[in-house]
Amino acid sequence: MSGSVVLLHLAGAVALMLFATRMVKTGVERAYGDVLRHKLRATMRNPLMAVLAGCGLSIALQSSTAVTLLVGSFAGAGIVSGMSGQLAVRGAEIGSALVVKLLTFDLTLLVPLCMIAGTVMFMATERREWRQSGRILVGIGLLILSLEMIGQASEPLRDSQLLPVIINYFSGDAITTYLLAALITWLFQSSIAAVLLMATLAGRGLITPELGVVLVLGVNLGSSVIAPMLTRSAGPQVRIVPIGNLLMRGLGSLIMLVLFMIFRPHVAFLGATASDQIVNAHILFNVIILLAGLPLAGLVYRASERLVALASKPEPVNALEVTELSALDESALDVPSQALANATREVVRVCETVEIMLKRIIELYESADANKIKALAALDDRVDRRHAAIKLYLAKVTKNPLTEDEALRCQELIGACVKLEQVGDIIVRNMLVHVKKKVEHGLKFTDEGWRELCAFHASVLANARLAFNALISRDPETARQLVLEKDRLRDLEKETSASHFERLRDGTAKSIETSSIHLDTIRDLKQINSLLASMAYPVLEERGLLGGSRLKAS
């Protein structure tokens, strides 16, 4: 087999591994992302729990970078302290390393099991949680399969005459090896994928353990650079946690590299095989960084603040900061197709504002203050202004002759805009009142009740995104999925209410105190979901998929 064919097979196997890793991460985020975020936020006040929560979330998402970005956003919003954020990221790195260890075991039997179970779960139901769970299982199966493919594709390299020359060169040039591993990790956007690739090649005898340790240190440098790069345009408070991770993990890997080059320690204690030694070196490095990070958390946080402050340029106040740009171009009114496109752009902005409101309201249930409440109310004022402007603009559009499709689109946009304005009113006039009541009376939900609210809210938020996509794409499958989710949410409401009344019957004090807030919040979220689901009706009606008030069977 020619060298180019071997490399092609190896590249395909690596591509499958990256795709599978992303597939698992996406499935977990879609199915459990919001619940996991609330869990992380709730447990980060305790340093030990912050480490454990970061570790657990990293295992679930298969990405320490995702946890770093998430914790950075929490710190930027003032939800968690920067020091707690640093510790959560340390735990996330441990979790990421443990995922690598787990995947190095012989899991070949799981490939068919995961593929079969995942495919059945994905295709047998329309329920989002089951479909995303199926996606996760298929992703795990593909990930394990990709590791087998990497091993098989790299087998012919053992007989290569050029490979020993390359390995000898990199073994004698630790700096180049270190930087190359960092570059590969940055390109992969995943330390898990990078370490798995190196461990698999080491298992085939293509990488020596000593070279593997240097590569692992480079992987940790590359992984620590990803989050700062992705947040370089974010606010200063958001960038502190990623920069702190770069200081601890990036500088830590450089220090470890220097020590390794000076003392040249034996690595046999790390495991019986080269593959085990590389993976265990990765785990050991992150454990050392965690232990060092506990006493140094405060120092690293202050250093991160100063670095971010030095890199941040004060932005001058100008009119752009207070001006709301509008897509409603009056000069396009004589061309209905362009005017409707402008109106659609403006409705999309309303959708974005409503989504922000829907995400923030659940955060206020847990932690609210006067400034946050005022900021949310200001967003509703923005929705009201744009709603009024869009209605007036579309009214002017209808003065011109319209085709049947243009007239229907105009009515669809007006209807969507009205529903979005109603959603904003429910959030501010109803749910914000519940928040104030909870704060004023010092009430607290039971753990089970709060989990139910978070899960219900997560479903409504996911449906909101479906509704916004259906409005823009007018895709019948997306619209159909949204209406099916409305029925599922009705069943979920019954289950949640039954569970709540069960706690009331048991006399749970917190349930009694928060009963009205709990039930009213569920009712408001259900009403919001109904308004959003109705945005899909025009698409379904146009294609004859809606019969009366019920969705026709397909």
Protein backbone atom coordinates (compact mmCIF):
# COMPACT_ATOMS: atom_id res chain seq x y z
CA MET A 1 0.00 0.00 0.00
CA SER A 2 1.44 3.38 -1.01
CA GLY A 3 2.21 6.03 1.59
CA SER A 4 -0.40 8.41 0.23
CA VAL A 5 -3.12 5.78 0.58
CA VAL A 6 -2.04 5.03 4.17
CA LEU A 7 -2.18 8.70 5.05
CA LEU A 8 -5.57 9.02 3.37
CA HIS A 9 -6.98 6.17 5.48
CA LEU A 10 -5.42 7.66 8.61
CA ALA A 11 -6.83 11.12 7.84
CA GLY A 12 -10.29 9.61 7.30
CA ALA A 13 -10.13 7.79 10.63
CA VAL A 14 -9.05 10.98 12.43
CA ALA A 15 -11.86 12.91 10.72
CA LEU A 16 -14.37 10.30 11.93
CA MET A 17 -13.00 10.63 15.47
CA LEU A 18 -13.40 14.42 15.42
CA PHE A 19 -16.92 14.11 13.98
CA ALA A 20 -17.92 11.50 16.59
CA THR A 21 -16.57 13.63 19.44
CA ARG A 22 -18.54 16.61 18.18
CA MET A 23 -21.64 14.42 17.73
CA VAL A 24 -21.58 13.26 21.36
CA LYS A 25 -20.96 16.80 22.61
CA THR A 26 -23.84 18.20 20.53
CA GLY A 27 -26.22 15.47 21.69
CA VAL A 28 -25.45 16.09 25.36
CA GLU A 29 -25.79 19.87 24.94
CA ARG A 30 -29.15 19.58 23.19
CA ALA A 31 -30.62 17.01 25.56
CA TYR A 32 -29.20 18.03 28.93
CA GLY A 33 -27.25 21.24 28.35
CA ASP A 34 -29.48 23.65 30.24
CA VAL A 35 -29.98 21.29 33.18
CA LEU A 36 -26.21 20.70 33.40
CA ARG A 37 -25.56 24.44 33.30
CA HIS A 38 -27.96 25.03 36.17
CA LYS A 39 -26.36 22.19 38.13
CA LEU A 40 -22.89 23.62 37.58
CA ARG A 41 -23.97 27.10 38.58
CA ALA A 42 -25.69 25.84 41.73
CA THR A 43 -22.68 23.86 43.00
CA MET A 44 -19.82 26.26 42.27
CA ARG A 45 -19.99 28.18 45.52
CA ASN A 46 -18.03 25.41 47.30
CA PRO A 47 -14.43 24.96 46.03
CA LEU A 48 -14.50 21.15 46.21
CA MET A 49 -17.93 21.00 44.58
CA ALA A 50 -16.70 23.38 41.88
CA VAL A 51 -13.92 20.95 41.01
CA LEU A 52 -16.28 17.95 41.03
CA ALA A 53 -18.94 19.78 39.01
CA GLY A 54 -16.40 20.86 36.41
CA CYS A 55 -15.10 17.29 36.19
CA GLY A 56 -18.59 15.81 35.78
CA LEU A 57 -19.67 18.34 33.17
CA SER A 58 -16.48 17.82 31.18
CA ILE A 59 -17.11 14.06 31.11
CA ALA A 60 -20.69 14.65 29.95
CA LEU A 61 -19.76 17.19 27.25
CA GLN A 62 -16.46 15.46 26.35
CA SER A 63 -14.85 18.88 26.21
CA SER A 64 -12.97 20.85 28.84
CA THR A 65 -13.01 23.83 26.47
CA ALA A 66 -16.82 23.87 26.53
CA VAL A 67 -16.76 23.96 30.33
CA THR A 68 -14.16 26.75 30.31
CA LEU A 69 -16.32 28.86 28.00
CA LEU A 70 -19.42 28.14 30.07
CA VAL A 71 -17.75 29.01 33.39
CA GLY A 72 -16.26 32.13 31.81
CA SER A 73 -19.74 33.28 30.80
CA PHE A 74 -20.98 32.64 34.36
CA ALA A 75 -18.13 34.70 35.76
CA GLY A 76 -18.81 37.46 33.25
CA ALA A 77 -22.46 37.60 34.33
CA GLY A 78 -21.47 37.73 38.00
CA ILE A 79 -23.16 34.39 38.72
CA VAL A 80 -19.97 32.79 40.09
CA SER A 81 -16.69 34.19 41.38
CA GLY A 82 -13.62 34.08 39.23
CA MET A 83 -11.78 31.90 41.75
CA SER A 84 -14.57 29.30 41.76
CA GLY A 85 -14.47 29.41 37.99
CA GLN A 86 -10.74 28.66 37.98
CA LEU A 87 -11.30 25.61 40.20
CA ALA A 88 -14.18 24.35 38.06
CA VAL A 89 -11.94 24.50 35.00
CA ARG A 90 -9.25 22.54 36.86
CA GLY A 91 -11.83 19.85 37.51
CA ALA A 92 -12.90 19.97 33.86
CA GLU A 93 -9.36 19.16 32.75
CA ILE A 94 -9.34 16.11 35.04
CA GLY A 95 -12.68 15.00 33.61
CA SER A 96 -11.39 15.37 30.07
CA ALA A 97 -8.33 13.25 30.91
CA LEU A 98 -10.53 10.55 32.48
CA VAL A 99 -12.58 10.34 29.28
CA VAL A 100 -9.38 9.61 27.37
CA LYS A 101 -8.50 6.86 29.87
CA LEU A 102 -11.92 5.27 29.54
CA LEU A 103 -11.75 5.21 25.75
CA THR A 104 -8.38 3.43 25.73
CA PHE A 105 -9.92 0.25 27.13
CA ASP A 106 -11.06 -2.52 24.77
CA LEU A 107 -14.60 -1.36 24.04
CA THR A 108 -15.05 -2.98 20.62
CA LEU A 109 -18.18 -4.85 21.73
CA LEU A 110 -19.83 -1.51 22.48
CA VAL A 111 -19.62 -0.42 18.82
CA PRO A 112 -22.50 -2.57 17.49
CA LEU A 113 -24.47 -2.19 20.72
CA CYS A 114 -24.24 1.62 20.68
CA MET A 115 -24.95 1.83 16.95
CA ILE A 116 -28.02 -0.42 17.14
CA ALA A 117 -29.45 1.10 20.32
CA GLY A 118 -28.71 4.65 19.19
CA THR A 119 -30.28 4.19 15.77
CA VAL A 120 -33.42 2.61 17.23
CA MET A 121 -33.81 5.39 19.80
CA PHE A 122 -33.29 8.09 17.17
CA MET A 123 -35.67 6.67 14.58
CA ALA A 124 -38.38 5.14 16.76
CA THR A 125 -39.66 8.31 18.40
CA GLU A 126 -40.08 12.05 17.92
CA ARG A 127 -39.24 12.89 21.55
CA ARG A 128 -36.23 15.17 21.69
CA GLU A 129 -34.58 13.57 24.73
CA TRP A 130 -34.75 10.09 23.23
CA ARG A 131 -33.50 11.27 19.84
CA GLN A 132 -30.58 13.13 21.38
CA SER A 133 -29.76 10.12 23.58
CA GLY A 134 -29.72 8.06 20.39
CA ARG A 135 -27.39 10.62 18.83
CA ILE A 136 -25.07 10.31 21.84
CA LEU A 137 -24.96 6.51 21.61
CA VAL A 138 -24.26 6.56 17.87
CA GLY A 139 -21.52 9.13 18.48
CA ILE A 140 -19.90 6.93 21.14
CA GLY A 141 -20.05 3.96 18.78
CA LEU A 142 -18.43 5.96 15.98
CA LEU A 143 -15.78 7.28 18.36
CA ILE A 144 -14.72 3.78 19.42
CA LEU A 145 -14.85 2.63 15.80
CA SER A 146 -12.63 5.53 14.73
CA LEU A 147 -9.97 4.46 17.25
CA GLU A 148 -9.95 0.97 15.72
CA MET A 149 -9.69 2.52 12.25
CA ILE A 150 -6.73 4.69 13.34
CA GLY A 151 -4.95 1.60 14.61
CA GLN A 152 -5.61 -0.36 11.43
CA ALA A 153 -4.72 2.58 9.16
CA SER A 154 -1.41 3.17 10.98
CA GLU A 155 -0.35 -0.52 10.89
CA PRO A 156 1.53 -0.23 7.53
CA LEU A 157 3.57 2.66 8.98
CA ARG A 158 5.52 0.12 11.07
CA ASP A 159 7.33 -0.99 7.93
CA SER A 160 8.04 2.54 6.77
CA GLN A 161 11.71 3.43 6.34
CA LEU A 162 10.99 7.14 6.66
CA LEU A 163 9.07 6.98 9.95
CA PRO A 164 12.05 6.04 12.18
CA VAL A 165 13.95 9.02 10.79
CA ILE A 166 11.04 11.35 11.64
CA ILE A 167 10.63 9.84 15.13
CA ASN A 168 14.36 10.17 15.81
CA TYR A 169 14.30 13.80 14.75
CA PHE A 170 11.38 14.71 16.99
CA SER A 171 12.85 12.69 19.87
CA GLY A 172 15.91 14.92 19.70
CA ASP A 173 13.96 18.18 19.31
CA ALA A 174 11.54 18.42 22.23
CA ILE A 175 10.64 22.08 21.58
CA THR A 176 9.48 21.42 18.01
CA THR A 177 7.57 18.32 19.16
CA TYR A 178 5.92 20.30 21.95
CA LEU A 179 4.83 23.10 19.61
CA LEU A 180 3.65 20.67 16.90
CA ALA A 181 1.42 18.85 19.41
CA ALA A 182 0.00 22.20 20.54
CA LEU A 183 -0.76 23.13 16.92
CA ILE A 184 -2.45 19.78 16.24
CA THR A 185 -4.61 20.17 19.34
CA TRP A 186 -5.60 23.68 18.35
CA LEU A 187 -6.55 22.46 14.88
CA PHE A 188 -8.54 19.56 16.36
CA GLN A 189 -10.15 21.91 18.93
CA SER A 190 -10.09 18.90 21.26
CA SER A 191 -7.46 17.61 23.67
CA ILE A 192 -9.38 14.33 23.93
CA ALA A 193 -9.03 13.67 20.19
CA ALA A 194 -5.35 14.65 20.19
CA VAL A 195 -4.36 12.42 23.13
CA LEU A 196 -6.42 9.51 21.79
CA LEU A 197 -4.63 9.78 18.45
CA MET A 198 -1.20 9.78 20.11
CA ALA A 199 -2.10 6.92 22.46
CA THR A 200 -3.37 4.83 19.55
CA LEU A 201 -0.19 5.44 17.54
CA ALA A 202 1.91 4.62 20.62
CA GLY A 203 -0.02 1.39 21.05
CA ARG A 204 1.12 0.42 17.54
CA GLY A 205 4.75 1.12 18.43
CA LEU A 206 4.97 4.26 16.29
CA ILE A 207 5.61 6.68 19.18
CA THR A 208 8.01 6.10 22.07
CA PRO A 209 6.74 6.79 25.62
CA GLU A 210 9.30 9.59 26.15
CA LEU A 211 8.23 11.30 22.94
CA GLY A 212 4.61 10.74 23.97
CA VAL A 213 5.12 12.63 27.25
CA VAL A 214 6.44 15.65 25.34
CA LEU A 215 3.48 15.42 22.97
CA VAL A 216 1.06 15.30 25.91
CA LEU A 217 2.57 18.47 27.35
CA GLY A 218 2.13 20.13 23.96
CA VAL A 219 -1.48 18.95 23.83
CA ASN A 220 -2.17 20.68 27.14
CA LEU A 221 -0.61 23.90 25.85
CA GLY A 222 -2.74 23.78 22.69
CA SER A 223 -5.90 22.99 24.63
CA SER A 224 -5.33 25.92 27.02
CA VAL A 225 -5.07 28.33 24.07
CA ILE A 226 -8.43 27.40 22.50
CA ALA A 227 -10.76 29.12 25.01
CA PRO A 228 -8.80 32.43 25.13
CA MET A 229 -8.86 32.53 21.34
CA LEU A 230 -12.63 31.90 21.20
CA THR A 231 -13.32 34.62 23.81
CA ARG A 232 -10.89 37.24 22.53
CA SER A 233 -13.76 39.55 21.50
CA ALA A 234 -15.85 38.92 24.64
CA GLY A 235 -16.13 41.20 27.67
CA PRO A 236 -13.22 41.47 30.14
CA GLN A 237 -14.97 39.51 32.90
CA VAL A 238 -15.70 36.64 30.53
CA ARG A 239 -12.04 36.37 29.50
CA ILE A 240 -10.59 36.13 33.01
CA VAL A 241 -11.30 32.41 33.51
CA PRO A 242 -9.90 31.29 30.10
CA ILE A 243 -6.79 33.45 30.64
CA GLY A 244 -6.36 31.95 34.11
CA ASN A 245 -6.54 28.48 32.59
CA LEU A 246 -3.87 29.47 30.08
CA LEU A 247 -1.62 30.70 32.90
CA MET A 248 -2.00 27.52 34.96
CA ARG A 249 -2.16 24.86 32.26
CA GLY A 250 -0.14 26.53 29.52
CA LEU A 251 2.70 27.77 31.71
CA GLY A 252 2.48 24.56 33.73
CA SER A 253 3.08 22.48 30.61
CA LEU A 254 6.09 24.65 29.68
CA ILE A 255 7.59 24.28 33.17
CA MET A 256 7.02 20.53 33.04
CA LEU A 257 8.69 20.38 29.62
CA VAL A 258 11.79 22.16 30.93
CA LEU A 259 11.97 19.84 33.96
CA PHE A 260 11.50 16.79 31.73
CA MET A 261 14.28 17.89 29.40
CA ILE A 262 16.65 18.52 32.33
CA PHE A 263 16.08 15.41 34.43
CA ARG A 264 14.96 12.91 31.73
CA PRO A 265 13.01 10.75 34.22
CA HIS A 266 12.02 7.18 33.44
CA VAL A 267 8.35 6.84 32.50
CA ALA A 268 7.95 3.13 33.14
CA PHE A 269 6.08 3.87 36.39
CA LEU A 270 3.25 5.42 34.36
CA GLY A 271 2.07 2.11 32.92
CA ALA A 272 2.93 -1.22 31.35
CA THR A 273 2.44 -0.13 27.73
CA ALA A 274 3.38 2.97 25.77
CA SER A 275 -0.30 3.78 25.25
CA ASP A 276 -1.01 3.60 29.01
CA GLN A 277 2.04 5.70 29.79
CA ILE A 278 0.92 8.50 27.48
CA VAL A 279 -2.65 8.56 28.82
CA ASN A 280 -1.52 8.31 32.45
CA ALA A 281 0.99 11.11 31.87
CA HIS A 282 -1.90 13.26 30.66
CA ILE A 283 -3.92 12.45 33.80
CA LEU A 284 -0.92 12.99 36.11
CA PHE A 285 -0.13 16.36 34.58
CA ASN A 286 -3.67 17.63 35.13
CA VAL A 287 -3.75 16.26 38.70
CA ILE A 288 -0.52 18.16 39.44
CA ILE A 289 -2.00 21.34 37.93
CA LEU A 290 -5.15 20.85 40.04
CA LEU A 291 -3.14 20.41 43.27
CA ALA A 292 -1.01 23.43 42.42
CA GLY A 293 -4.09 25.39 41.44
CA LEU A 294 -5.82 25.04 44.83
CA PRO A 295 -3.39 27.26 46.79
CA LEU A 296 -2.58 29.44 43.77
CA ALA A 297 -6.19 30.12 42.71
CA GLY A 298 -6.25 33.61 44.21
CA LEU A 299 -2.89 34.60 42.76
CA VAL A 300 -3.77 33.28 39.31
CA TYR A 301 -7.12 35.08 39.39
CA ARG A 302 -5.49 38.43 40.23
CA ALA A 303 -2.85 37.92 37.54
CA SER A 304 -5.58 37.07 35.03
CA GLU A 305 -7.48 40.24 35.94
CA ARG A 306 -4.39 42.36 35.35
CA LEU A 307 -3.58 40.72 32.03
CA VAL A 308 -7.16 41.19 30.81
CA ALA A 309 -7.15 44.81 32.00
CA LEU A 310 -3.90 45.47 30.11
CA ALA A 311 -5.27 43.90 26.94
CA SER A 312 -8.63 45.68 27.15
CA LYS A 313 -8.96 49.07 25.53
CA PRO A 314 -11.56 51.45 26.94
CA GLU A 315 -14.27 52.00 24.36
CA PRO A 316 -15.33 55.60 23.84
CA VAL A 317 -18.97 56.38 24.37
CA ASN A 318 -20.64 57.20 21.10
CA ALA A 319 -24.05 57.19 19.48
CA LEU A 320 -23.72 53.61 18.33
CA GLU A 321 -23.91 52.40 21.93
CA VAL A 322 -27.36 53.84 22.44
CA THR A 323 -28.79 53.61 18.95
CA GLU A 324 -30.88 50.60 17.95
CA LEU A 325 -30.19 49.95 14.29
CA SER A 326 -33.21 48.99 12.24
CA ALA A 327 -33.55 46.89 9.10
CA LEU A 328 -36.87 48.57 8.21
CA ASP A 329 -35.71 50.54 5.20
CA GLU A 330 -38.50 52.87 4.05
CA SER A 331 -36.98 53.17 0.56
CA ALA A 332 -37.66 49.46 -0.06
CA LEU A 333 -41.42 49.69 0.49
CA ASP A 334 -42.11 49.90 -3.25
CA VAL A 335 -40.46 46.50 -3.74
CA PRO A 336 -42.49 44.11 -1.57
CA SER A 337 -39.99 41.23 -1.77
CA GLN A 338 -37.21 43.43 -0.40
CA ALA A 339 -39.49 45.02 2.19
CA LEU A 340 -40.57 41.59 3.46
CA ALA A 341 -36.92 40.53 3.66
CA ASN A 342 -36.20 43.65 5.73
CA ALA A 343 -39.14 42.88 8.02
CA THR A 344 -37.91 39.31 8.43
CA ARG A 345 -34.50 40.58 9.50
CA GLU A 346 -36.12 42.79 12.09
CA VAL A 347 -38.32 39.96 13.38
CA VAL A 348 -35.17 37.85 13.76
CA ARG A 349 -33.79 40.55 16.07
CA VAL A 350 -36.96 40.37 18.13
CA CYS A 351 -36.51 36.59 18.27
CA GLU A 352 -32.97 37.05 19.58
CA THR A 353 -34.14 39.48 22.27
CA VAL A 354 -36.94 37.15 23.36
CA GLU A 355 -34.50 34.25 23.56
CA ILE A 356 -32.21 36.30 25.80
CA MET A 357 -35.17 37.17 28.03
CA LEU A 358 -36.23 33.53 28.23
CA LYS A 359 -32.72 32.45 29.18
CA ARG A 360 -32.25 35.17 31.79
CA ILE A 361 -35.57 34.77 33.56
CA ILE A 362 -34.70 31.31 34.90
CA GLU A 363 -31.38 32.67 36.15
CA LEU A 364 -33.27 35.33 38.11
CA TYR A 365 -35.29 32.64 39.86
CA GLU A 366 -32.02 31.47 41.41
CA SER A 367 -30.17 34.76 41.84
CA ALA A 368 -31.86 38.12 41.36
CA ASP A 369 -31.09 41.73 42.19
CA ALA A 370 -32.58 45.09 41.26
CA ASN A 371 -30.14 45.70 38.40
CA LYS A 372 -30.82 42.34 36.74
CA ILE A 373 -34.57 42.79 37.06
CA LYS A 374 -34.34 46.28 35.58
CA ALA A 375 -32.20 45.00 32.69
CA LEU A 376 -34.76 42.31 31.84
CA ALA A 377 -37.61 44.82 31.89
CA ALA A 378 -35.58 47.02 29.52
CA LEU A 379 -35.37 44.15 27.05
CA ASP A 380 -39.17 43.92 27.03
CA ASP A 381 -39.34 47.63 26.22
CA ARG A 382 -37.07 46.95 23.25
CA VAL A 383 -39.37 44.14 22.08
CA ASP A 384 -42.38 46.45 22.34
CA ARG A 385 -40.69 49.19 20.29
CA ARG A 386 -39.62 46.85 17.53
CA HIS A 387 -43.00 45.12 17.53
CA ALA A 388 -44.75 48.44 16.95
CA ALA A 389 -42.25 49.46 14.24
CA ILE A 390 -42.60 46.14 12.38
CA LYS A 391 -46.41 46.28 12.39
CA LEU A 392 -46.39 49.81 11.01
CA TYR A 393 -43.82 48.88 8.36
CA LEU A 394 -45.78 45.84 7.20
CA ALA A 395 -48.96 47.89 7.12
CA LYS A 396 -47.24 50.21 4.65
CA VAL A 397 -46.09 47.21 2.60
CA THR A 398 -49.68 46.05 2.13
CA LYS A 399 -50.55 49.33 0.37
CA ASN A 400 -48.71 47.94 -2.67
CA PRO A 401 -50.00 45.09 -4.86
CA LEU A 402 -48.78 41.77 -3.40
CA THR A 403 -48.68 38.28 -4.77
CA GLU A 404 -50.53 35.60 -2.82
CA ASP A 405 -47.28 34.28 -1.34
CA GLU A 406 -46.18 37.79 -0.34
CA ALA A 407 -49.52 38.49 1.31
CA LEU A 408 -49.32 35.22 3.27
CA ARG A 409 -45.75 35.96 4.34
CA CYS A 410 -46.77 39.42 5.48
CA GLN A 411 -49.55 37.99 7.66
CA GLU A 412 -47.18 35.33 8.99
CA LEU A 413 -44.62 37.95 10.06
CA ILE A 414 -47.28 40.10 11.71
CA GLY A 415 -48.64 37.08 13.58
CA ALA A 416 -45.17 36.01 14.70
CA CYS A 417 -44.34 39.50 15.88
CA VAL A 418 -47.55 39.70 17.94
CA LYS A 419 -46.80 36.33 19.56
CA LEU A 420 -43.24 37.37 20.38
CA GLU A 421 -44.53 40.53 22.03
CA GLN A 422 -46.95 38.42 24.09
CA VAL A 423 -44.11 36.12 25.16
CA GLY A 424 -42.14 39.15 26.35
CA ASP A 425 -45.15 40.36 28.33
CA ILE A 426 -45.57 36.97 30.03
CA ILE A 427 -41.92 36.96 31.05
CA VAL A 428 -41.98 40.48 32.49
CA ARG A 429 -45.54 40.85 33.78
CA ASN A 430 -45.95 37.33 35.15
CA MET A 431 -42.67 35.51 35.68
CA LEU A 432 -40.74 38.56 36.86
CA VAL A 433 -43.46 39.09 39.47
CA HIS A 434 -42.88 35.52 40.70
CA VAL A 435 -39.15 36.29 40.95
CA LYS A 436 -39.79 39.39 43.05
CA LYS A 437 -42.15 37.47 45.32
CA LYS A 438 -39.59 34.72 45.81
CA VAL A 439 -36.86 37.25 46.68
CA GLU A 440 -39.04 39.37 48.98
CA HIS A 441 -40.19 36.36 51.01
CA GLY A 442 -36.84 34.56 50.96
CA LEU A 443 -38.40 31.42 49.46
CA LYS A 444 -36.49 28.45 48.09
CA PHE A 445 -37.61 25.56 45.89
CA THR A 446 -37.00 21.96 46.84
CA ASP A 447 -34.17 20.30 44.93
CA GLU A 448 -36.66 18.13 43.06
CA GLY A 449 -38.97 21.05 42.32
CA TRP A 450 -36.10 23.17 41.01
CA ARG A 451 -34.92 20.32 38.76
CA GLU A 452 -38.43 20.02 37.36
CA LEU A 453 -38.61 23.76 36.64
CA CYS A 454 -35.19 23.75 34.99
CA ALA A 455 -36.08 20.75 32.82
CA PHE A 456 -39.41 22.30 31.81
CA HIS A 457 -37.74 25.62 31.04
CA ALA A 458 -35.02 23.86 29.02
CA SER A 459 -37.68 22.21 26.86
CA VAL A 460 -39.45 25.53 26.26
CA LEU A 461 -36.14 27.23 25.38
CA ALA A 462 -35.30 24.46 22.92
CA ASN A 463 -38.76 24.81 21.37
CA ALA A 464 -38.25 28.57 21.11
CA ARG A 465 -35.17 27.97 18.99
CA LEU A 466 -37.13 25.52 16.84
CA ALA A 467 -39.87 28.13 16.39
CA PHE A 468 -37.39 30.82 15.33
CA ASN A 469 -35.76 28.41 12.87
CA ALA A 470 -39.16 27.44 11.44
CA LEU A 471 -40.08 31.11 11.00
CA ILE A 472 -36.97 31.78 8.93
CA SER A 473 -36.48 28.51 7.06
CA ARG A 474 -40.21 27.63 6.72
CA ASP A 475 -39.06 24.00 6.87
CA PRO A 476 -42.11 21.72 7.30
CA GLU A 477 -40.16 19.08 9.25
CA THR A 478 -38.99 21.68 11.78
CA ALA A 479 -42.54 23.02 12.06
CA ARG A 480 -43.91 19.53 12.53
CA GLN A 481 -41.34 18.76 15.21
CA LEU A 482 -42.34 21.93 17.05
CA VAL A 483 -46.03 20.98 17.15
CA LEU A 484 -45.16 17.47 18.32
CA GLU A 485 -43.07 19.01 21.11
CA LYS A 486 -46.12 21.02 22.17
CA ASP A 487 -48.00 17.79 22.81
CA ARG A 488 -45.05 16.32 24.66
CA LEU A 489 -44.76 19.39 26.84
CA ARG A 490 -48.41 19.08 27.79
CA ASP A 491 -47.69 15.59 29.09
CA LEU A 492 -44.60 16.88 30.89
CA GLU A 493 -46.71 19.56 32.59
CA LYS A 494 -49.08 16.89 33.92
CA GLU A 495 -46.16 14.86 35.27
CA THR A 496 -44.57 17.92 36.89
CA SER A 497 -47.84 19.03 38.50
CA ALA A 498 -48.52 15.50 39.78
CA SER A 499 -45.05 15.33 41.29
CA HIS A 500 -45.54 18.74 42.92
CA PHE A 501 -48.88 17.76 44.46
CA GLU A 502 -47.28 14.55 45.73
CA ARG A 503 -44.76 16.67 47.65
CA LEU A 504 -47.60 18.81 48.97
CA ARG A 505 -49.38 15.71 50.24
CA ASP A 506 -46.18 14.66 52.00
CA GLY A 507 -46.13 18.03 53.73
CA THR A 508 -42.77 19.17 52.36
CA ALA A 509 -42.32 22.66 53.81
CA LYS A 510 -40.50 24.19 50.85
CA SER A 511 -43.09 22.82 48.43
CA ILE A 512 -45.91 24.40 50.44
CA GLU A 513 -44.15 27.78 50.60
CA THR A 514 -43.34 27.88 46.87
CA SER A 515 -46.43 26.06 45.57
CA SER A 516 -48.09 29.02 43.86
CA ILE A 517 -44.82 30.24 42.32
CA HIS A 518 -44.00 26.74 41.07
CA LEU A 519 -47.39 26.10 39.47
CA ASP A 520 -47.73 29.62 38.07
CA THR A 521 -44.28 29.39 36.50
CA ILE A 522 -45.12 26.09 34.82
CA ARG A 523 -48.37 27.61 33.55
CA ASP A 524 -46.55 30.66 32.17
CA LEU A 525 -43.91 28.53 30.45
CA LYS A 526 -46.61 26.34 28.93
CA GLN A 527 -48.41 29.43 27.63
CA ILE A 528 -45.14 30.71 26.14
CA ASN A 529 -44.57 27.35 24.47
CA SER A 530 -48.08 27.39 22.99
CA LEU A 531 -47.50 30.85 21.51
CA LEU A 532 -44.20 29.77 20.02
CA ALA A 533 -45.63 26.52 18.63
CA SER A 534 -48.41 28.42 16.89
CA MET A 535 -45.73 30.21 14.84
CA ALA A 536 -45.33 26.92 12.95
CA TYR A 537 -48.98 26.64 11.95
CA PRO A 538 -48.77 28.77 8.75
CA VAL A 539 -46.03 26.51 7.38
CA LEU A 540 -48.03 23.36 8.14
CA GLU A 541 -51.30 24.78 6.85
CA GLU A 542 -49.67 25.79 3.58
CA ARG A 543 -48.60 22.17 3.01
CA GLY A 544 -51.83 20.62 4.23
CA LEU A 545 -50.18 19.05 7.28
CA LEU A 546 -52.52 20.61 9.82
CA GLY A 547 -56.03 19.25 10.17
CA GLY A 548 -58.38 21.36 12.24
CA SER A 549 -56.56 21.96 15.50
CA ARG A 550 -54.51 18.76 15.39
CA LEU A 551 -51.45 17.66 13.48
CA LYS A 552 -52.22 15.14 10.77
CA ALA A 553 -50.50 11.79 11.00
CA SER A 554 -47.66 11.49 8.52
